[in-house]
Amino acid sequence: MDAIKLVDYDPAWPALFRSRREAITALLGHPTDIQHIGSTSIPGLCAKPKLDIDAVLLSNEARIEATERLKHDGYVFHGDPHGADRWTFTKDEKLYGTRLYLCLPDNPAHQERVLFRDYLRVHPEAAETYATLKRKLAIEADGDWDHYTGGKSDFVADIVSKALAEARQP
């Protein structure tokens, strides 16, 4: 198995996201929202060399149409591998690839990812703890993505819980 590769934060990622958001918006037509999510969206955090992007579409019909446009543009469709009603696409691009998720409004997985991102953006100590965990798991996993991803799940759930608690405070 190939080792899980993490790279240090690249300050070019926000601009790269904006560029990709424009291209994805042009491809998809009228998404209601496109969010930079995942580790590349959190300043200072190490990440896999791929930008994670969620695009929210208004209907399943729009998602089906978008799928055809994305495939035509070189995106590879991976279905819904996590059973979260988010259709996954990848595209290898220079320096950093793209992992794009298409979902519908009010998708719980999308909402949790935004909460997680926003919490780590305003709590750098939590982001640093997450970076340490990710580096440790990448070494331990020795290419086993289930081990790597599974090893982060308790941390992610804890942060989402903290983010929800903060959101409820006046």
Protein backbone atom coordinates (compact mmCIF):
# COMPACT_ATOMS: atom_id res chain seq x y z
CA MET A 1 0.00 0.00 0.00
CA ASP A 2 1.10 3.55 -0.65
CA ALA A 3 1.84 5.66 2.39
CA ILE A 4 -0.69 8.31 3.33
CA LYS A 5 0.83 11.60 2.28
CA LEU A 6 0.29 14.76 4.30
CA VAL A 7 1.74 18.11 3.26
CA ASP A 8 2.25 21.27 5.28
CA TYR A 9 -0.31 24.04 4.93
CA ASP A 10 0.09 26.00 1.70
CA PRO A 11 -1.02 29.66 1.89
CA ALA A 12 -2.00 29.37 -1.79
CA TRP A 13 -4.91 27.05 -0.92
CA PRO A 14 -7.57 29.77 -0.35
CA ALA A 15 -6.86 31.34 -3.76
CA LEU A 16 -6.75 27.90 -5.39
CA PHE A 17 -10.15 27.15 -3.86
CA ARG A 18 -11.61 30.41 -5.23
CA SER A 19 -10.32 29.52 -8.69
CA ARG A 20 -11.75 26.00 -8.52
CA ARG A 21 -15.05 27.32 -7.12
CA GLU A 22 -15.40 29.53 -10.22
CA ALA A 23 -14.71 26.60 -12.54
CA ILE A 24 -17.09 24.29 -10.64
CA THR A 25 -19.81 26.95 -10.59
CA ALA A 26 -19.49 27.30 -14.37
CA LEU A 27 -19.76 23.51 -14.77
CA LEU A 28 -22.67 22.99 -12.38
CA GLY A 29 -24.81 25.91 -13.42
CA HIS A 30 -26.53 27.11 -10.27
CA PRO A 31 -25.30 25.46 -7.07
CA THR A 32 -26.79 27.11 -3.99
CA ASP A 33 -23.50 26.98 -2.13
CA ILE A 34 -19.90 25.88 -2.63
CA GLN A 35 -17.76 25.48 0.47
CA HIS A 36 -14.05 24.81 0.95
CA ILE A 37 -14.01 22.08 3.58
CA GLY A 38 -11.47 19.62 4.91
CA SER A 39 -7.99 20.30 6.19
CA THR A 40 -6.90 22.52 3.29
CA SER A 41 -9.58 25.01 4.41
CA ILE A 42 -8.04 25.48 7.86
CA PRO A 43 -5.08 27.87 8.02
CA GLY A 44 -1.93 26.21 9.31
CA LEU A 45 -3.24 22.64 9.18
CA CYS A 46 -1.40 19.85 7.35
CA ALA A 47 -3.51 18.04 4.76
CA LYS A 48 -3.61 15.47 2.03
CA PRO A 49 -2.66 17.19 -1.25
CA LYS A 50 -6.30 17.52 -2.37
CA LEU A 51 -8.80 20.32 -1.90
CA ASP A 52 -12.10 19.07 -0.47
CA ILE A 53 -15.08 20.99 -1.78
CA ASP A 54 -18.81 20.60 -1.04
CA ALA A 55 -21.30 21.84 -3.61
CA VAL A 56 -24.95 22.03 -2.56
CA LEU A 57 -27.49 21.60 -5.36
CA LEU A 58 -31.22 22.26 -5.15
CA SER A 59 -32.49 18.90 -6.43
CA ASN A 60 -31.46 15.37 -7.24
CA GLU A 61 -32.21 16.12 -10.90
CA ALA A 62 -29.66 18.95 -10.79
CA ARG A 63 -27.16 16.55 -9.21
CA ILE A 64 -27.70 13.99 -11.99
CA GLU A 65 -27.17 16.67 -14.64
CA ALA A 66 -24.08 17.95 -12.80
CA THR A 67 -22.66 14.43 -12.69
CA GLU A 68 -22.65 14.20 -16.47
CA ARG A 69 -21.01 17.63 -16.83
CA LEU A 70 -18.34 16.76 -14.25
CA LYS A 71 -17.53 13.43 -15.92
CA HIS A 72 -17.21 15.21 -19.26
CA ASP A 73 -14.73 17.62 -17.63
CA GLY A 74 -12.49 14.83 -16.34
CA TYR A 75 -13.88 14.23 -12.87
CA VAL A 76 -14.07 10.59 -11.76
CA PHE A 77 -17.36 9.61 -10.11
CA HIS A 78 -17.08 7.43 -6.98
CA GLY A 79 -20.75 7.20 -6.00
CA ASP A 80 -21.70 7.69 -2.34
CA PRO A 81 -18.95 5.68 -0.61
CA HIS A 82 -19.79 6.87 2.91
CA GLY A 83 -23.57 6.47 2.68
CA ALA A 84 -24.06 10.15 3.54
CA ASP A 85 -25.98 11.13 0.38
CA ARG A 86 -22.94 13.05 -0.88
CA TRP A 87 -21.82 12.01 -4.34
CA THR A 88 -18.04 11.99 -4.53
CA PHE A 89 -15.86 13.03 -7.48
CA THR A 90 -12.10 13.39 -7.81
CA LYS A 91 -9.93 15.13 -10.33
CA ASP A 92 -6.15 15.09 -10.47
CA GLU A 93 -4.86 18.57 -11.12
CA LYS A 94 -1.47 20.24 -10.96
CA LEU A 95 0.06 20.28 -7.48
CA TYR A 96 -3.20 19.61 -5.63
CA GLY A 97 -6.14 17.49 -6.76
CA THR A 98 -9.81 18.10 -6.05
CA ARG A 99 -12.27 15.95 -4.13
CA LEU A 100 -15.75 17.32 -4.84
CA TYR A 101 -18.90 16.28 -3.02
CA LEU A 102 -22.37 17.01 -4.40
CA CYS A 103 -25.17 17.10 -1.86
CA LEU A 104 -28.63 18.52 -1.39
CA PRO A 105 -29.68 21.28 1.05
CA ASP A 106 -29.75 20.33 4.74
CA ASN A 107 -27.38 17.38 4.22
CA PRO A 108 -26.21 16.46 7.76
CA ALA A 109 -22.71 15.39 6.66
CA HIS A 110 -22.19 18.71 4.86
CA GLN A 111 -23.43 20.67 7.88
CA GLU A 112 -21.10 18.75 10.21
CA ARG A 113 -18.11 19.34 7.96
CA VAL A 114 -18.78 23.09 7.94
CA LEU A 115 -19.17 23.11 11.74
CA PHE A 116 -15.90 21.17 12.11
CA ARG A 117 -14.05 23.53 9.77
CA ASP A 118 -15.38 26.67 11.41
CA TYR A 119 -14.56 25.43 14.91
CA LEU A 120 -10.95 24.60 14.00
CA ARG A 121 -10.56 27.98 12.29
CA VAL A 122 -11.32 29.82 15.55
CA HIS A 123 -9.67 27.31 17.91
CA PRO A 124 -6.04 26.97 16.76
CA GLU A 125 -5.18 24.76 19.75
CA ALA A 126 -7.76 22.21 18.55
CA ALA A 127 -6.40 22.48 15.00
CA GLU A 128 -2.88 21.75 16.32
CA THR A 129 -4.15 18.72 18.26
CA TYR A 130 -5.84 17.52 15.07
CA ALA A 131 -2.62 17.98 13.07
CA THR A 132 -0.69 15.91 15.62
CA LEU A 133 -3.33 13.17 15.46
CA LYS A 134 -3.32 13.16 11.66
CA ARG A 135 0.48 12.84 11.47
CA LYS A 136 0.47 10.02 14.04
CA LEU A 137 -2.30 8.14 12.21
CA ALA A 138 -0.66 8.58 8.79
CA ILE A 139 2.45 6.82 10.11
CA GLU A 140 0.53 4.12 12.01
CA ALA A 141 -1.84 3.42 9.13
CA ASP A 142 0.97 2.47 6.73
CA GLY A 143 -1.33 3.13 3.78
CA ASP A 144 -4.49 1.72 5.42
CA TRP A 145 -7.09 4.44 4.75
CA ASP A 146 -9.68 2.78 7.00
CA HIS A 147 -7.27 2.99 9.94
CA TYR A 148 -6.37 6.60 9.14
CA THR A 149 -9.96 7.78 8.68
CA GLY A 150 -11.36 5.67 11.52
CA GLY A 151 -8.68 6.96 13.89
CA LYS A 152 -9.93 10.52 13.38
CA SER A 153 -13.64 9.81 13.90
CA ASP A 154 -13.77 10.26 17.71
CA PHE A 155 -11.86 13.55 17.49
CA VAL A 156 -14.13 14.81 14.70
CA ALA A 157 -17.28 13.82 16.61
CA ASP A 158 -15.99 15.60 19.74
CA ILE A 159 -15.26 18.81 17.79
CA VAL A 160 -18.66 18.74 16.07
CA SER A 161 -20.28 18.33 19.50
CA LYS A 162 -18.31 21.31 20.86
CA ALA A 163 -19.20 23.37 17.78
CA LEU A 164 -22.89 22.60 18.22
CA ALA A 165 -22.69 23.57 21.91
CA GLU A 166 -21.03 26.87 20.99
CA ALA A 167 -23.65 27.54 18.31
CA ARG A 168 -26.41 27.16 20.93
CA GLN A 169 -24.86 29.77 23.22
CA PRO A 170 -26.26 33.30 22.98
